[in-house]
Amino acid sequence: MRCPKCGYVSFDYLDRCSKCQTDLTGERERLRLHGFRPDPLSLQELSDRLAAAQAKEKEAKEEAKGTTKGKEEGISFSLDLNIPETPPSGPSSSPKPIDLEKELELTLEGLEINIHSDK
């Protein structure tokens, strides 16, 4: 936040200007800024959180593997369906082959290319 008296730029959570000791609470309220001071980040805390999250994820995967193995042993199923196949109804003629050389023709007639160099 910038001090309205001397122009010194400081943190938003400070109540007074560090340079001229002017009260900044009115300016902070006018700008609708929060007056809380953030806690510094701790690398140890972040690494502990990451390790705990990875451990929980590993446990969940192991638990999921254990539950699916137990369930698969007791289940037996078959996909044999005794449905007679019937030919599809409709036109049975095969489509005509496409002559790609005839349909994809590229001509460069009337095309003019100009190359200019600024060097």
PDB file of N, CA and C in Angstrom:
ATOM      1  N   MET A   1       0.850  -1.160   0.000  1.00  0.00           N
ATOM      2  CA  MET A   1       0.000   0.000   0.000  1.00  0.00           C
ATOM      3  C   MET A   1       0.905   1.234   0.000  1.00  0.00           C
ATOM      4  N   ARG A   2       0.468   2.259  -0.658  1.00  0.00           N
ATOM      5  CA  ARG A   2       1.248   3.486  -0.768  1.00  0.00           C
ATOM      6  C   ARG A   2       0.759   4.519   0.254  1.00  0.00           C
ATOM      7  N   CYS A   3       1.701   5.136   0.957  1.00  0.00           N
ATOM      8  CA  CYS A   3       1.371   6.153   1.959  1.00  0.00           C
ATOM      9  C   CYS A   3       0.855   7.400   1.244  1.00  0.00           C
ATOM     10  N   PRO A   4      -0.307   7.935   1.669  1.00  0.00           N
ATOM     11  CA  PRO A   4      -0.841   9.128   1.008  1.00  0.00           C
ATOM     12  C   PRO A   4      -0.028  10.394   1.303  1.00  0.00           C
ATOM     13  N   LYS A   5       0.761  10.389   2.380  1.00  0.00           N
ATOM     14  CA  LYS A   5       1.522  11.578   2.754  1.00  0.00           C
ATOM     15  C   LYS A   5       2.892  11.629   2.077  1.00  0.00           C
ATOM     16  N   CYS A   6       3.682  10.557   2.213  1.00  0.00           N
ATOM     17  CA  CYS A   6       5.055  10.596   1.693  1.00  0.00           C
ATOM     18  C   CYS A   6       5.255   9.737   0.443  1.00  0.00           C
ATOM     19  N   GLY A   7       4.299   8.870   0.103  1.00  0.00           N
ATOM     20  CA  GLY A   7       4.406   8.043  -1.093  1.00  0.00           C
ATOM     21  C   GLY A   7       5.194   6.762  -0.904  1.00  0.00           C
ATOM     22  N   TYR A   8       5.587   6.449   0.329  1.00  0.00           N
ATOM     23  CA  TYR A   8       6.355   5.238   0.608  1.00  0.00           C
ATOM     24  C   TYR A   8       5.452   4.015   0.421  1.00  0.00           C
ATOM     25  N   VAL A   9       5.944   3.005  -0.273  1.00  0.00           N
ATOM     26  CA  VAL A   9       5.175   1.787  -0.520  1.00  0.00           C
ATOM     27  C   VAL A   9       5.569   0.742   0.517  1.00  0.00           C
ATOM     28  N   SER A  10       4.551   0.229   1.243  1.00  0.00           N
ATOM     29  CA  SER A  10       4.803  -0.766   2.284  1.00  0.00           C
ATOM     30  C   SER A  10       3.758  -1.873   2.185  1.00  0.00           C
ATOM     31  N   PHE A  11       3.773  -2.767   3.162  1.00  0.00           N
ATOM     32  CA  PHE A  11       2.845  -3.888   3.174  1.00  0.00           C
ATOM     33  C   PHE A  11       1.443  -3.429   3.551  1.00  0.00           C
ATOM     34  N   ASP A  12       0.425  -4.145   3.048  1.00  0.00           N
ATOM     35  CA  ASP A  12      -0.972  -3.779   3.283  1.00  0.00           C
ATOM     36  C   ASP A  12      -1.407  -3.975   4.728  1.00  0.00           C
ATOM     37  N   TYR A  13      -0.764  -4.852   5.467  1.00  0.00           N
ATOM     38  CA  TYR A  13      -1.199  -5.151   6.824  1.00  0.00           C
ATOM     39  C   TYR A  13      -0.670  -4.155   7.860  1.00  0.00           C
ATOM     40  N   LEU A  14       0.240  -3.261   7.502  1.00  0.00           N
ATOM     41  CA  LEU A  14       0.788  -2.300   8.462  1.00  0.00           C
ATOM     42  C   LEU A  14      -0.232  -1.206   8.777  1.00  0.00           C
ATOM     43  N   ASP A  15      -0.296  -0.811  10.066  1.00  0.00           N
ATOM     44  CA  ASP A  15      -1.211   0.252  10.487  1.00  0.00           C
ATOM     45  C   ASP A  15      -0.606   1.632  10.296  1.00  0.00           C
ATOM     46  N   ARG A  16       0.721   1.733  10.313  1.00  0.00           N
ATOM     47  CA  ARG A  16       1.407   3.020  10.173  1.00  0.00           C
ATOM     48  C   ARG A  16       2.476   2.915   9.102  1.00  0.00           C
ATOM     49  N   CYS A  17       2.757   4.050   8.466  1.00  0.00           N
ATOM     50  CA  CYS A  17       3.811   4.133   7.460  1.00  0.00           C
ATOM     51  C   CYS A  17       5.159   3.943   8.148  1.00  0.00           C
ATOM     52  N   SER A  18       6.018   3.129   7.565  1.00  0.00           N
ATOM     53  CA  SER A  18       7.334   2.867   8.160  1.00  0.00           C
ATOM     54  C   SER A  18       8.249   4.076   8.078  1.00  0.00           C
ATOM     55  N   LYS A  19       7.991   4.982   7.163  1.00  0.00           N
ATOM     56  CA  LYS A  19       8.867   6.133   6.958  1.00  0.00           C
ATOM     57  C   LYS A  19       8.417   7.361   7.763  1.00  0.00           C
ATOM     58  N   CYS A  20       7.129   7.740   7.656  1.00  0.00           N
ATOM     59  CA  CYS A  20       6.674   8.983   8.300  1.00  0.00           C
ATOM     60  C   CYS A  20       5.681   8.759   9.437  1.00  0.00           C
ATOM     61  N   GLN A  21       5.362   7.500   9.756  1.00  0.00           N
ATOM     62  CA  GLN A  21       4.462   7.132  10.853  1.00  0.00           C
ATOM     63  C   GLN A  21       3.028   7.651  10.679  1.00  0.00           C
ATOM     64  N   THR A  22       2.578   7.882   9.460  1.00  0.00           N
ATOM     65  CA  THR A  22       1.200   8.303   9.187  1.00  0.00           C
ATOM     66  C   THR A  22       0.272   7.097   9.344  1.00  0.00           C
ATOM     67  N   ASP A  23      -0.922   7.323   9.912  1.00  0.00           N
ATOM     68  CA  ASP A  23      -1.900   6.261  10.097  1.00  0.00           C
ATOM     69  C   ASP A  23      -2.439   5.814   8.730  1.00  0.00           C
ATOM     70  N   LEU A  24      -2.372   4.503   8.447  1.00  0.00           N
ATOM     71  CA  LEU A  24      -2.794   3.966   7.151  1.00  0.00           C
ATOM     72  C   LEU A  24      -4.099   3.177   7.224  1.00  0.00           C
ATOM     73  N   THR A  25      -4.730   3.100   8.404  1.00  0.00           N
ATOM     74  CA  THR A  25      -5.948   2.297   8.536  1.00  0.00           C
ATOM     75  C   THR A  25      -7.091   2.867   7.704  1.00  0.00           C
ATOM     76  N   GLY A  26      -7.223   4.176   7.647  1.00  0.00           N
ATOM     77  CA  GLY A  26      -8.279   4.793   6.838  1.00  0.00           C
ATOM     78  C   GLY A  26      -8.086   4.511   5.352  1.00  0.00           C
ATOM     79  N   GLU A  27      -6.848   4.578   4.904  1.00  0.00           N
ATOM     80  CA  GLU A  27      -6.532   4.294   3.497  1.00  0.00           C
ATOM     81  C   GLU A  27      -6.797   2.818   3.176  1.00  0.00           C
ATOM     82  N   ARG A  28      -6.454   1.938   4.119  1.00  0.00           N
ATOM     83  CA  ARG A  28      -6.683   0.506   3.918  1.00  0.00           C
ATOM     84  C   ARG A  28      -8.174   0.210   3.827  1.00  0.00           C
ATOM     85  N   GLU A  29      -8.994   0.841   4.673  1.00  0.00           N
ATOM     86  CA  GLU A  29     -10.444   0.638   4.628  1.00  0.00           C
ATOM     87  C   GLU A  29     -11.037   1.198   3.340  1.00  0.00           C
ATOM     88  N   ARG A  30     -10.511   2.336   2.880  1.00  0.00           N
ATOM     89  CA  ARG A  30     -11.000   2.944   1.642  1.00  0.00           C
ATOM     90  C   ARG A  30     -10.734   2.032   0.443  1.00  0.00           C
ATOM     91  N   LEU A  31      -9.588   1.350   0.462  1.00  0.00           N
ATOM     92  CA  LEU A  31      -9.223   0.443  -0.626  1.00  0.00           C
ATOM     93  C   LEU A  31      -9.776  -0.970  -0.428  1.00  0.00           C
ATOM     94  N   ARG A  32     -10.453  -1.192   0.713  1.00  0.00           N
ATOM     95  CA  ARG A  32     -11.048  -2.487   1.062  1.00  0.00           C
ATOM     96  C   ARG A  32     -10.004  -3.601   1.062  1.00  0.00           C
ATOM     97  N   LEU A  33      -8.891  -3.341   1.715  1.00  0.00           N
ATOM     98  CA  LEU A  33      -7.820  -4.324   1.838  1.00  0.00           C
ATOM     99  C   LEU A  33      -7.920  -5.020   3.184  1.00  0.00           C
ATOM    100  N   HIS A  34      -7.461  -6.246   3.243  1.00  0.00           N
ATOM    101  CA  HIS A  34      -7.471  -7.004   4.490  1.00  0.00           C
ATOM    102  C   HIS A  34      -6.290  -6.577   5.352  1.00  0.00           C
ATOM    103  N   GLY A  35      -6.491  -6.562   6.650  1.00  0.00           N
ATOM    104  CA  GLY A  35      -5.443  -6.133   7.560  1.00  0.00           C
ATOM    105  C   GLY A  35      -4.728  -7.266   8.259  1.00  0.00           C
ATOM    106  N   PHE A  36      -4.781  -8.484   7.741  1.00  0.00           N
ATOM    107  CA  PHE A  36      -4.108  -9.592   8.415  1.00  0.00           C
ATOM    108  C   PHE A  36      -2.701  -9.780   7.866  1.00  0.00           C
ATOM    109  N   ARG A  37      -1.829 -10.252   8.740  1.00  0.00           N
ATOM    110  CA  ARG A  37      -0.439 -10.502   8.352  1.00  0.00           C
ATOM    111  C   ARG A  37      -0.301 -11.985   8.007  1.00  0.00           C
ATOM    112  N   PRO A  38       0.156 -12.303   6.817  1.00  0.00           N
ATOM    113  CA  PRO A  38       0.267 -13.712   6.431  1.00  0.00           C
ATOM    114  C   PRO A  38       1.402 -14.409   7.174  1.00  0.00           C
ATOM    115  N   ASP A  39       1.185 -15.672   7.482  1.00  0.00           N
ATOM    116  CA  ASP A  39       2.229 -16.471   8.129  1.00  0.00           C
ATOM    117  C   ASP A  39       3.267 -16.866   7.082  1.00  0.00           C
ATOM    118  N   PRO A  40       4.542 -16.855   7.455  1.00  0.00           N
ATOM    119  CA  PRO A  40       5.569 -17.282   6.494  1.00  0.00           C
ATOM    120  C   PRO A  40       5.463 -18.784   6.228  1.00  0.00           C
ATOM    121  N   LEU A  41       5.785 -19.180   5.016  1.00  0.00           N
ATOM    122  CA  LEU A  41       5.727 -20.588   4.652  1.00  0.00           C
ATOM    123  C   LEU A  41       6.897 -21.340   5.266  1.00  0.00           C
ATOM    124  N   SER A  42       6.619 -22.535   5.709  1.00  0.00           N
ATOM    125  CA  SER A  42       7.649 -23.395   6.275  1.00  0.00           C
ATOM    126  C   SER A  42       7.866 -24.560   5.318  1.00  0.00           C
ATOM    127  N   LEU A  43       9.098 -24.724   4.859  1.00  0.00           N
ATOM    128  CA  LEU A  43       9.414 -25.805   3.938  1.00  0.00           C
ATOM    129  C   LEU A  43       9.216 -27.162   4.601  1.00  0.00           C
ATOM    130  N   GLN A  44       9.534 -27.265   5.872  1.00  0.00           N
ATOM    131  CA  GLN A  44       9.360 -28.523   6.596  1.00  0.00           C
ATOM    132  C   GLN A  44       7.884 -28.898   6.669  1.00  0.00           C
ATOM    133  N   GLU A  45       7.026 -27.916   6.958  1.00  0.00           N
ATOM    134  CA  GLU A  45       5.594 -28.178   7.049  1.00  0.00           C
ATOM    135  C   GLU A  45       5.035 -28.636   5.702  1.00  0.00           C
ATOM    136  N   LEU A  46       5.471 -27.989   4.621  1.00  0.00           N
ATOM    137  CA  LEU A  46       4.996 -28.375   3.297  1.00  0.00           C
ATOM    138  C   LEU A  46       5.451 -29.780   2.924  1.00  0.00           C
ATOM    139  N   SER A  47       6.692 -30.127   3.236  1.00  0.00           N
ATOM    140  CA  SER A  47       7.185 -31.470   2.916  1.00  0.00           C
ATOM    141  C   SER A  47       6.473 -32.528   3.756  1.00  0.00           C
ATOM    142  N   ASP A  48       6.140 -32.210   5.020  1.00  0.00           N
ATOM    143  CA  ASP A  48       5.390 -33.143   5.861  1.00  0.00           C
ATOM    144  C   ASP A  48       3.989 -33.377   5.297  1.00  0.00           C
ATOM    145  N   ARG A  49       3.340 -32.309   4.849  1.00  0.00           N
ATOM    146  CA  ARG A  49       2.004 -32.440   4.255  1.00  0.00           C
ATOM    147  C   ARG A  49       2.050 -33.293   2.994  1.00  0.00           C
ATOM    148  N   LEU A  50       3.070 -33.075   2.162  1.00  0.00           N
ATOM    149  CA  LEU A  50       3.213 -33.841   0.928  1.00  0.00           C
ATOM    150  C   LEU A  50       3.434 -35.319   1.234  1.00  0.00           C
ATOM    151  N   ALA A  51       4.287 -35.617   2.207  1.00  0.00           N
ATOM    152  CA  ALA A  51       4.554 -37.011   2.576  1.00  0.00           C
ATOM    153  C   ALA A  51       3.293 -37.682   3.119  1.00  0.00           C
ATOM    154  N   ALA A  52       2.519 -36.968   3.927  1.00  0.00           N
ATOM    155  CA  ALA A  52       1.286 -37.528   4.478  1.00  0.00           C
ATOM    156  C   ALA A  52       0.271 -37.799   3.370  1.00  0.00           C
ATOM    157  N   ALA A  53       0.161 -36.884   2.413  1.00  0.00           N
ATOM    158  CA  ALA A  53      -0.777 -37.068   1.306  1.00  0.00           C
ATOM    159  C   ALA A  53      -0.375 -38.260   0.442  1.00  0.00           C
ATOM    160  N   GLN A  54       0.922 -38.416   0.207  1.00  0.00           N
ATOM    161  CA  GLN A  54       1.395 -39.547  -0.588  1.00  0.00           C
ATOM    162  C   GLN A  54       1.167 -40.866   0.144  1.00  0.00           C
ATOM    163  N   ALA A  55       1.341 -40.867   1.463  1.00  0.00           N
ATOM    164  CA  ALA A  55       1.109 -42.082   2.247  1.00  0.00           C
ATOM    165  C   ALA A  55      -0.370 -42.472   2.206  1.00  0.00           C
ATOM    166  N   LYS A  56      -1.266 -41.490   2.322  1.00  0.00           N
ATOM    167  CA  LYS A  56      -2.703 -41.773   2.259  1.00  0.00           C
ATOM    168  C   LYS A  56      -3.081 -42.322   0.887  1.00  0.00           C
ATOM    169  N   GLU A  57      -2.506 -41.748  -0.154  1.00  0.00           N
ATOM    170  CA  GLU A  57      -2.801 -42.200  -1.512  1.00  0.00           C
ATOM    171  C   GLU A  57      -2.324 -43.637  -1.722  1.00  0.00           C
ATOM    172  N   LYS A  58      -1.143 -43.946  -1.198  1.00  0.00           N
ATOM    173  CA  LYS A  58      -0.595 -45.299  -1.322  1.00  0.00           C
ATOM    174  C   LYS A  58      -1.469 -46.300  -0.574  1.00  0.00           C
ATOM    175  N   GLU A  59      -1.917 -45.939   0.633  1.00  0.00           N
ATOM    176  CA  GLU A  59      -2.791 -46.812   1.411  1.00  0.00           C
ATOM    177  C   GLU A  59      -4.112 -47.044   0.692  1.00  0.00           C
ATOM    178  N   ALA A  60      -4.659 -45.996   0.092  1.00  0.00           N
ATOM    179  CA  ALA A  60      -5.928 -46.127  -0.621  1.00  0.00           C
ATOM    180  C   ALA A  60      -5.779 -47.053  -1.826  1.00  0.00           C
ATOM    181  N   LYS A  61      -4.658 -46.957  -2.540  1.00  0.00           N
ATOM    182  CA  LYS A  61      -4.426 -47.831  -3.693  1.00  0.00           C
ATOM    183  C   LYS A  61      -4.287 -49.281  -3.249  1.00  0.00           C
ATOM    184  N   GLU A  62      -3.534 -49.512  -2.158  1.00  0.00           N
ATOM    185  CA  GLU A  62      -3.360 -50.875  -1.653  1.00  0.00           C
ATOM    186  C   GLU A  62      -4.685 -51.452  -1.173  1.00  0.00           C
ATOM    187  N   GLU A  63      -5.491 -50.628  -0.525  1.00  0.00           N
ATOM    188  CA  GLU A  63      -6.789 -51.074  -0.042  1.00  0.00           C
ATOM    189  C   GLU A  63      -7.707 -51.400  -1.212  1.00  0.00           C
ATOM    190  N   ALA A  64      -7.667 -50.576  -2.252  1.00  0.00           N
ATOM    191  CA  ALA A  64      -8.497 -50.821  -3.428  1.00  0.00           C
ATOM    192  C   ALA A  64      -8.074 -52.111  -4.122  1.00  0.00           C
ATOM    193  N   LYS A  65      -6.770 -52.376  -4.191  1.00  0.00           N
ATOM    194  CA  LYS A  65      -6.291 -53.619  -4.799  1.00  0.00           C
ATOM    195  C   LYS A  65      -6.740 -54.823  -3.974  1.00  0.00           C
ATOM    196  N   GLY A  66      -6.664 -54.704  -2.664  1.00  0.00           N
ATOM    197  CA  GLY A  66      -7.059 -55.805  -1.783  1.00  0.00           C
ATOM    198  C   GLY A  66      -8.542 -56.108  -1.879  1.00  0.00           C
ATOM    199  N   THR A  67      -9.383 -55.102  -1.971  1.00  0.00           N
ATOM    200  CA  THR A  67     -10.825 -55.332  -2.041  1.00  0.00           C
ATOM    201  C   THR A  67     -11.228 -55.885  -3.394  1.00  0.00           C
ATOM    202  N   THR A  68     -10.592 -55.471  -4.465  1.00  0.00           N
ATOM    203  CA  THR A  68     -10.964 -55.991  -5.780  1.00  0.00           C
ATOM    204  C   THR A  68     -10.510 -57.431  -5.945  1.00  0.00           C
ATOM    205  N   LYS A  69      -9.378 -57.820  -5.360  1.00  0.00           N
ATOM    206  CA  LYS A  69      -8.923 -59.207  -5.455  1.00  0.00           C
ATOM    207  C   LYS A  69      -9.900 -60.133  -4.744  1.00  0.00           C
ATOM    208  N   GLY A  70     -10.359 -59.742  -3.596  1.00  0.00           N
ATOM    209  CA  GLY A  70     -11.294 -60.562  -2.844  1.00  0.00           C
ATOM    210  C   GLY A  70     -12.620 -60.715  -3.565  1.00  0.00           C
ATOM    211  N   LYS A  71     -13.074 -59.707  -4.202  1.00  0.00           N
ATOM    212  CA  LYS A  71     -14.347 -59.754  -4.909  1.00  0.00           C
ATOM    213  C   LYS A  71     -14.233 -60.559  -6.196  1.00  0.00           C
ATOM    214  N   GLU A  72     -13.117 -60.476  -6.883  1.00  0.00           N
ATOM    215  CA  GLU A  72     -12.963 -61.158  -8.160  1.00  0.00           C
ATOM    216  C   GLU A  72     -12.915 -62.672  -7.985  1.00  0.00           C
ATOM    217  N   GLU A  73     -12.433 -63.158  -6.873  1.00  0.00           N
ATOM    218  CA  GLU A  73     -12.323 -64.594  -6.667  1.00  0.00           C
ATOM    219  C   GLU A  73     -13.693 -65.258  -6.567  1.00  0.00           C
ATOM    220  N   GLY A  74     -14.675 -64.582  -6.044  1.00  0.00           N
ATOM    221  CA  GLY A  74     -15.986 -65.175  -5.853  1.00  0.00           C
ATOM    222  C   GLY A  74     -16.948 -64.942  -7.004  1.00  0.00           C
ATOM    223  N   ILE A  75     -16.583 -64.186  -8.017  1.00  0.00           N
ATOM    224  CA  ILE A  75     -17.491 -63.847  -9.105  1.00  0.00           C
ATOM    225  C   ILE A  75     -17.123 -64.638 -10.351  1.00  0.00           C
ATOM    226  N   SER A  76     -18.133 -65.219 -10.973  1.00  0.00           N
ATOM    227  CA  SER A  76     -17.944 -65.919 -12.234  1.00  0.00           C
ATOM    228  C   SER A  76     -19.028 -65.445 -13.193  1.00  0.00           C
ATOM    229  N   PHE A  77     -18.655 -65.083 -14.381  1.00  0.00           N
ATOM    230  CA  PHE A  77     -19.644 -64.632 -15.350  1.00  0.00           C
ATOM    231  C   PHE A  77     -19.249 -65.096 -16.742  1.00  0.00           C
ATOM    232  N   SER A  78     -20.224 -65.100 -17.637  1.00  0.00           N
ATOM    233  CA  SER A  78     -20.004 -65.548 -19.001  1.00  0.00           C
ATOM    234  C   SER A  78     -20.698 -64.584 -19.953  1.00  0.00           C
ATOM    235  N   LEU A  79     -20.098 -64.372 -21.103  1.00  0.00           N
ATOM    236  CA  LEU A  79     -20.680 -63.487 -22.108  1.00  0.00           C
ATOM    237  C   LEU A  79     -21.208 -64.266 -23.312  1.00  0.00           C
ATOM    238  N   ASP A  80     -21.452 -65.543 -23.145  1.00  0.00           N
ATOM    239  CA  ASP A  80     -21.994 -66.348 -24.241  1.00  0.00           C
ATOM    240  C   ASP A  80     -23.473 -66.041 -24.397  1.00  0.00           C
ATOM    241  N   LEU A  81     -23.829 -65.411 -25.475  1.00  0.00           N
ATOM    242  CA  LEU A  81     -25.219 -65.090 -25.765  1.00  0.00           C
ATOM    243  C   LEU A  81     -25.649 -65.920 -26.970  1.00  0.00           C
ATOM    244  N   ASN A  82     -26.743 -66.588 -26.868  1.00  0.00           N
ATOM    245  CA  ASN A  82     -27.242 -67.438 -27.950  1.00  0.00           C
ATOM    246  C   ASN A  82     -28.236 -66.669 -28.805  1.00  0.00           C
ATOM    247  N   ILE A  83     -27.781 -65.636 -29.455  1.00  0.00           N
ATOM    248  CA  ILE A  83     -28.627 -64.835 -30.328  1.00  0.00           C
ATOM    249  C   ILE A  83     -28.202 -65.119 -31.761  1.00  0.00           C
ATOM    250  N   PRO A  84     -29.119 -65.566 -32.606  1.00  0.00           N
ATOM    251  CA  PRO A  84     -28.742 -65.830 -33.995  1.00  0.00           C
ATOM    252  C   PRO A  84     -28.454 -64.521 -34.724  1.00  0.00           C
ATOM    253  N   GLU A  85     -27.413 -64.563 -35.531  1.00  0.00           N
ATOM    254  CA  GLU A  85     -27.058 -63.364 -36.296  1.00  0.00           C
ATOM    255  C   GLU A  85     -27.933 -63.273 -37.532  1.00  0.00           C
ATOM    256  N   THR A  86     -28.483 -62.102 -37.755  1.00  0.00           N
ATOM    257  CA  THR A  86     -29.277 -61.861 -38.961  1.00  0.00           C
ATOM    258  C   THR A  86     -28.545 -60.833 -39.796  1.00  0.00           C
ATOM    259  N   PRO A  87     -28.553 -61.000 -41.104  1.00  0.00           N
ATOM    260  CA  PRO A  87     -27.872 -60.017 -41.941  1.00  0.00           C
ATOM    261  C   PRO A  87     -28.575 -58.668 -41.856  1.00  0.00           C
ATOM    262  N   PRO A  88     -27.832 -57.596 -41.955  1.00  0.00           N
ATOM    263  CA  PRO A  88     -28.458 -56.276 -41.887  1.00  0.00           C
ATOM    264  C   PRO A  88     -29.357 -56.043 -43.091  1.00  0.00           C
ATOM    265  N   SER A  89     -30.461 -55.398 -42.838  1.00  0.00           N
ATOM    266  CA  SER A  89     -31.393 -55.108 -43.930  1.00  0.00           C
ATOM    267  C   SER A  89     -31.001 -53.796 -44.593  1.00  0.00           C
ATOM    268  N   GLY A  90     -31.350 -53.650 -45.841  1.00  0.00           N
ATOM    269  CA  GLY A  90     -31.034 -52.427 -46.566  1.00  0.00           C
ATOM    270  C   GLY A  90     -30.257 -52.743 -47.817  1.00  0.00           C
ATOM    271  N   PRO A  91     -29.792 -51.723 -48.517  1.00  0.00           N
ATOM    272  CA  PRO A  91     -29.066 -51.963 -49.767  1.00  0.00           C
ATOM    273  C   PRO A  91     -27.764 -52.704 -49.494  1.00  0.00           C
ATOM    274  N   SER A  92     -27.519 -53.719 -50.285  1.00  0.00           N
ATOM    275  CA  SER A  92     -26.336 -54.539 -50.084  1.00  0.00           C
ATOM    276  C   SER A  92     -25.241 -54.227 -51.091  1.00  0.00           C
ATOM    277  N   SER A  93     -25.450 -53.238 -51.925  1.00  0.00           N
ATOM    278  CA  SER A  93     -24.429 -52.909 -52.915  1.00  0.00           C
ATOM    279  C   SER A  93     -23.283 -52.177 -52.232  1.00  0.00           C
ATOM    280  N   SER A  94     -22.080 -52.506 -52.630  1.00  0.00           N
ATOM    281  CA  SER A  94     -20.913 -51.868 -52.034  1.00  0.00           C
ATOM    282  C   SER A  94     -20.705 -50.494 -52.665  1.00  0.00           C
ATOM    283  N   PRO A  95     -20.141 -49.549 -51.933  1.00  0.00           N
ATOM    284  CA  PRO A  95     -19.936 -48.209 -52.490  1.00  0.00           C
ATOM    285  C   PRO A  95     -18.889 -48.228 -53.596  1.00  0.00           C
ATOM    286  N   LYS A  96     -19.022 -47.270 -54.508  1.00  0.00           N
ATOM    287  CA  LYS A  96     -18.092 -47.170 -55.630  1.00  0.00           C
ATOM    288  C   LYS A  96     -16.753 -46.643 -55.132  1.00  0.00           C
ATOM    289  N   PRO A  97     -15.651 -47.152 -55.675  1.00  0.00           N
ATOM    290  CA  PRO A  97     -14.349 -46.600 -55.295  1.00  0.00           C
ATOM    291  C   PRO A  97     -14.187 -45.182 -55.833  1.00  0.00           C
ATOM    292  N   ILE A  98     -13.481 -44.358 -55.101  1.00  0.00           N
ATOM    293  CA  ILE A  98     -13.295 -42.955 -55.469  1.00  0.00           C
ATOM    294  C   ILE A  98     -11.951 -42.800 -56.159  1.00  0.00           C
ATOM    295  N   ASP A  99     -11.959 -42.082 -57.272  1.00  0.00           N
ATOM    296  CA  ASP A  99     -10.725 -41.797 -57.998  1.00  0.00           C
ATOM    297  C   ASP A  99     -10.142 -40.515 -57.405  1.00  0.00           C
ATOM    298  N   LEU A 100      -9.142 -40.656 -56.519  1.00  0.00           N
ATOM    299  CA  LEU A 100      -8.585 -39.505 -55.813  1.00  0.00           C
ATOM    300  C   LEU A 100      -7.831 -38.563 -56.737  1.00  0.00           C
ATOM    301  N   GLU A 101      -7.185 -39.088 -57.752  1.00  0.00           N
ATOM    302  CA  GLU A 101      -6.423 -38.231 -58.657  1.00  0.00           C
ATOM    303  C   GLU A 101      -7.339 -37.287 -59.419  1.00  0.00           C
ATOM    304  N   LYS A 102      -8.502 -37.742 -59.729  1.00  0.00           N
ATOM    305  CA  LYS A 102      -9.442 -36.926 -60.490  1.00  0.00           C
ATOM    306  C   LYS A 102     -10.068 -35.846 -59.604  1.00  0.00           C
ATOM    307  N   GLU A 103     -10.396 -36.195 -58.374  1.00  0.00           N
ATOM    308  CA  GLU A 103     -11.085 -35.249 -57.504  1.00  0.00           C
ATOM    309  C   GLU A 103     -10.137 -34.265 -56.824  1.00  0.00           C
ATOM    310  N   LEU A 104      -8.904 -34.633 -56.576  1.00  0.00           N
ATOM    311  CA  LEU A 104      -7.950 -33.761 -55.908  1.00  0.00           C
ATOM    312  C   LEU A 104      -6.951 -33.239 -56.929  1.00  0.00           C
ATOM    313  N   GLU A 105      -7.360 -32.227 -57.625  1.00  0.00           N
ATOM    314  CA  GLU A 105      -6.516 -31.654 -58.657  1.00  0.00           C
ATOM    315  C   GLU A 105      -6.102 -30.257 -58.224  1.00  0.00           C
ATOM    316  N   LEU A 106      -4.811 -29.946 -58.259  1.00  0.00           N
ATOM    317  CA  LEU A 106      -4.281 -28.659 -57.822  1.00  0.00           C
ATOM    318  C   LEU A 106      -3.624 -27.980 -59.004  1.00  0.00           C
ATOM    319  N   THR A 107      -4.065 -26.771 -59.266  1.00  0.00           N
ATOM    320  CA  THR A 107      -3.463 -26.006 -60.365  1.00  0.00           C
ATOM    321  C   THR A 107      -2.853 -24.744 -59.800  1.00  0.00           C
ATOM    322  N   LEU A 108      -1.736 -24.344 -60.357  1.00  0.00           N
ATOM    323  CA  LEU A 108      -1.039 -23.148 -59.911  1.00  0.00           C
ATOM    324  C   LEU A 108      -1.108 -22.039 -60.956  1.00  0.00           C
ATOM    325  N   GLU A 109      -1.999 -22.166 -61.901  1.00  0.00           N
ATOM    326  CA  GLU A 109      -2.136 -21.140 -62.929  1.00  0.00           C
ATOM    327  C   GLU A 109      -2.713 -19.873 -62.309  1.00  0.00           C
ATOM    328  N   GLY A 110      -2.160 -18.733 -62.686  1.00  0.00           N
ATOM    329  CA  GLY A 110      -2.647 -17.456 -62.187  1.00  0.00           C
ATOM    330  C   GLY A 110      -2.131 -17.116 -60.799  1.00  0.00           C
ATOM    331  N   LEU A 111      -1.236 -17.908 -60.249  1.00  0.00           N
ATOM    332  CA  LEU A 111      -0.684 -17.660 -58.924  1.00  0.00           C
ATOM    333  C   LEU A 111       0.630 -16.917 -59.077  1.00  0.00           C
ATOM    334  N   GLU A 112       0.736 -15.781 -58.415  1.00  0.00           N
ATOM    335  CA  GLU A 112       1.946 -14.963 -58.512  1.00  0.00           C
ATOM    336  C   GLU A 112       2.566 -14.841 -57.128  1.00  0.00           C
ATOM    337  N   ILE A 113       3.862 -15.092 -57.024  1.00  0.00           N
ATOM    338  CA  ILE A 113       4.568 -15.027 -55.747  1.00  0.00           C
ATOM    339  C   ILE A 113       5.634 -13.948 -55.845  1.00  0.00           C
ATOM    340  N   ASN A 114       5.602 -12.992 -54.926  1.00  0.00           N
ATOM    341  CA  ASN A 114       6.600 -11.924 -54.859  1.00  0.00           C
ATOM    342  C   ASN A 114       7.355 -12.051 -53.544  1.00  0.00           C
ATOM    343  N   ILE A 115       8.679 -12.061 -53.619  1.00  0.00           N
ATOM    344  CA  ILE A 115       9.510 -12.146 -52.419  1.00  0.00           C
ATOM    345  C   ILE A 115      10.319 -10.864 -52.323  1.00  0.00           C
ATOM    346  N   HIS A 116      10.186 -10.168 -51.204  1.00  0.00           N
ATOM    347  CA  HIS A 116      10.905  -8.916 -50.981  1.00  0.00           C
ATOM    348  C   HIS A 116      11.843  -9.088 -49.802  1.00  0.00           C
ATOM    349  N   SER A 117      13.015  -8.538 -49.896  1.00  0.00           N
ATOM    350  CA  SER A 117      13.981  -8.603 -48.808  1.00  0.00           C
ATOM    351  C   SER A 117      14.230  -7.197 -48.291  1.00  0.00           C
ATOM    352  N   ASP A 118      14.190  -7.025 -46.976  1.00  0.00           N
ATOM    353  CA  ASP A 118      14.420  -5.709 -46.372  1.00  0.00           C
ATOM    354  C   ASP A 118      15.887  -5.473 -46.072  1.00  0.00           C
ATOM    355  N   LYS A 119      16.745  -6.428 -46.290  1.00  0.00           N
ATOM    356  CA  LYS A 119      18.169  -6.291 -45.948  1.00  0.00           C
ATOM    357  C   LYS A 119      18.916  -5.532 -46.990  1.00  0.00           C
TER     358      LYS A 119
END
